[in-house]
Amino acid sequence: MPLWTQWWVWMSAAVVLATLEVIIPGYIFLGFALGAAVMGLLILIGVSAKGLALTLVIFALLSLASYLVMRKVFGLRNGQVKIWDTDIND
């Protein structure tokens, strides 16, 4: 059985990518970590793709979807600019 069809491989990749996100912050690796975690859950419940190429496409789409959701939730909201009225040196 190929390694990419094992759920624990995807979960391990999710943990590694989440750890990289902690070390190098910026919501770059978090989308990939969530995509890998969802892919691992899909494989765990029995949903599997035929072939490595289709598996990677599904992973890419899951990662993109999670990145877009995070950008919508955590992104900069309009009208949230901090205006300072006083100076710390005053």
C-alpha atoms as a PDB file:
ATOM      1  CA  MET A   1       0.000   0.000   0.000  1.00  0.00           C
ATOM      2  CA  PRO A   2       1.500   3.402  -0.999  1.00  0.00           C
ATOM      3  CA  LEU A   3       2.541   5.741   1.758  1.00  0.00           C
ATOM      4  CA  TRP A   4       0.319   8.651   0.638  1.00  0.00           C
ATOM      5  CA  THR A   5      -2.772   6.499   1.242  1.00  0.00           C
ATOM      6  CA  GLN A   6      -2.015   6.199   4.971  1.00  0.00           C
ATOM      7  CA  TRP A   7      -3.969   8.575   7.208  1.00  0.00           C
ATOM      8  CA  TRP A   8      -1.176   8.877   9.770  1.00  0.00           C
ATOM      9  CA  VAL A   9       1.216  10.217   7.129  1.00  0.00           C
ATOM     10  CA  TRP A  10      -1.127  13.119   6.429  1.00  0.00           C
ATOM     11  CA  MET A  11      -1.669  13.760  10.149  1.00  0.00           C
ATOM     12  CA  SER A  12       2.095  13.733  10.721  1.00  0.00           C
ATOM     13  CA  ALA A  13       2.526  16.195   7.876  1.00  0.00           C
ATOM     14  CA  ALA A  14      -0.157  18.387   9.469  1.00  0.00           C
ATOM     15  CA  VAL A  15       1.735  18.395  12.780  1.00  0.00           C
ATOM     16  CA  VAL A  16       5.027  19.241  11.048  1.00  0.00           C
ATOM     17  CA  LEU A  17       3.414  22.058   9.062  1.00  0.00           C
ATOM     18  CA  ALA A  18       1.664  23.431  12.156  1.00  0.00           C
ATOM     19  CA  THR A  19       4.988  23.393  13.994  1.00  0.00           C
ATOM     20  CA  LEU A  20       6.573  25.307  11.115  1.00  0.00           C
ATOM     21  CA  GLU A  21       3.748  27.840  11.409  1.00  0.00           C
ATOM     22  CA  VAL A  22       4.644  28.400  15.059  1.00  0.00           C
ATOM     23  CA  ILE A  23       8.318  28.824  14.209  1.00  0.00           C
ATOM     24  CA  ILE A  24       7.711  30.968  11.102  1.00  0.00           C
ATOM     25  CA  PRO A  25       4.428  32.845  11.740  1.00  0.00           C
ATOM     26  CA  GLY A  26       2.378  34.496   9.049  1.00  0.00           C
ATOM     27  CA  TYR A  27      -0.467  32.074   8.249  1.00  0.00           C
ATOM     28  CA  ILE A  28       1.639  30.540   5.474  1.00  0.00           C
ATOM     29  CA  PHE A  29       1.938  26.954   6.655  1.00  0.00           C
ATOM     30  CA  LEU A  30      -1.325  26.881   8.622  1.00  0.00           C
ATOM     31  CA  GLY A  31      -3.437  26.503   5.472  1.00  0.00           C
ATOM     32  CA  PHE A  32      -1.326  23.580   4.365  1.00  0.00           C
ATOM     33  CA  ALA A  33      -1.504  22.067   7.864  1.00  0.00           C
ATOM     34  CA  LEU A  34      -5.294  22.267   7.884  1.00  0.00           C
ATOM     35  CA  GLY A  35      -5.435  20.819   4.374  1.00  0.00           C
ATOM     36  CA  ALA A  36      -3.237  17.898   5.422  1.00  0.00           C
ATOM     37  CA  ALA A  37      -5.311  17.315   8.560  1.00  0.00           C
ATOM     38  CA  VAL A  38      -8.579  17.252   6.609  1.00  0.00           C
ATOM     39  CA  MET A  39      -6.979  14.963   4.025  1.00  0.00           C
ATOM     40  CA  GLY A  40      -5.904  12.633   6.845  1.00  0.00           C
ATOM     41  CA  LEU A  41      -9.433  12.627   8.245  1.00  0.00           C
ATOM     42  CA  LEU A  42     -10.896  11.876   4.822  1.00  0.00           C
ATOM     43  CA  ILE A  43      -8.554   8.923   4.374  1.00  0.00           C
ATOM     44  CA  LEU A  44      -9.298   7.748   7.926  1.00  0.00           C
ATOM     45  CA  ILE A  45     -13.050   7.608   7.253  1.00  0.00           C
ATOM     46  CA  GLY A  46     -12.499   5.755   4.008  1.00  0.00           C
ATOM     47  CA  VAL A  47     -12.550   8.417   1.287  1.00  0.00           C
ATOM     48  CA  SER A  48      -9.526   7.802  -0.904  1.00  0.00           C
ATOM     49  CA  ALA A  49      -8.437   9.047  -4.301  1.00  0.00           C
ATOM     50  CA  LYS A  50      -7.022   6.818  -7.003  1.00  0.00           C
ATOM     51  CA  GLY A  51      -3.429   7.804  -7.573  1.00  0.00           C
ATOM     52  CA  LEU A  52      -0.970  10.290  -6.185  1.00  0.00           C
ATOM     53  CA  ALA A  53      -1.872  13.075  -8.619  1.00  0.00           C
ATOM     54  CA  LEU A  54      -5.545  13.171  -7.627  1.00  0.00           C
ATOM     55  CA  THR A  55      -4.617  12.944  -3.949  1.00  0.00           C
ATOM     56  CA  LEU A  56      -2.335  15.964  -4.280  1.00  0.00           C
ATOM     57  CA  VAL A  57      -4.998  17.910  -6.174  1.00  0.00           C
ATOM     58  CA  ILE A  58      -7.502  17.244  -3.387  1.00  0.00           C
ATOM     59  CA  PHE A  59      -4.891  18.291  -0.809  1.00  0.00           C
ATOM     60  CA  ALA A  60      -4.191  21.491  -2.749  1.00  0.00           C
ATOM     61  CA  LEU A  61      -7.894  22.342  -2.973  1.00  0.00           C
ATOM     62  CA  LEU A  62      -8.398  21.670   0.736  1.00  0.00           C
ATOM     63  CA  SER A  63      -5.388  23.847   1.567  1.00  0.00           C
ATOM     64  CA  LEU A  64      -6.629  26.651  -0.661  1.00  0.00           C
ATOM     65  CA  ALA A  65     -10.088  26.491   0.891  1.00  0.00           C
ATOM     66  CA  SER A  66      -8.690  26.610   4.412  1.00  0.00           C
ATOM     67  CA  TYR A  67      -6.393  29.514   3.500  1.00  0.00           C
ATOM     68  CA  LEU A  68      -9.308  31.488   2.041  1.00  0.00           C
ATOM     69  CA  VAL A  69     -11.460  30.820   5.109  1.00  0.00           C
ATOM     70  CA  MET A  70      -8.643  31.913   7.422  1.00  0.00           C
ATOM     71  CA  ARG A  71      -8.080  35.039   5.357  1.00  0.00           C
ATOM     72  CA  LYS A  72     -11.765  35.867   5.647  1.00  0.00           C
ATOM     73  CA  VAL A  73     -11.831  35.229   9.402  1.00  0.00           C
ATOM     74  CA  PHE A  74      -8.436  36.656  10.430  1.00  0.00           C
ATOM     75  CA  GLY A  75      -7.874  39.206   7.663  1.00  0.00           C
ATOM     76  CA  LEU A  76      -7.717  42.964   8.152  1.00  0.00           C
ATOM     77  CA  ARG A  77     -11.166  44.392   8.560  1.00  0.00           C
ATOM     78  CA  ASN A  78     -12.041  47.692   6.898  1.00  0.00           C
ATOM     79  CA  GLY A  79     -12.210  50.610   9.304  1.00  0.00           C
ATOM     80  CA  GLN A  80      -9.972  49.069  11.972  1.00  0.00           C
ATOM     81  CA  VAL A  81      -7.106  51.518  11.689  1.00  0.00           C
ATOM     82  CA  LYS A  82      -5.632  52.541  15.039  1.00  0.00           C
ATOM     83  CA  ILE A  83      -5.546  56.327  15.439  1.00  0.00           C
ATOM     84  CA  TRP A  84      -3.367  57.640  18.251  1.00  0.00           C
ATOM     85  CA  ASP A  85      -4.614  60.777  20.005  1.00  0.00           C
ATOM     86  CA  THR A  86      -1.738  61.073  22.456  1.00  0.00           C
ATOM     87  CA  ASP A  87       1.993  60.555  22.252  1.00  0.00           C
ATOM     88  CA  ILE A  88       3.840  58.383  24.732  1.00  0.00           C
ATOM     89  CA  ASN A  89       6.396  61.187  25.173  1.00  0.00           C
ATOM     90  CA  ASP A  90       3.822  63.803  26.219  1.00  0.00           C
END
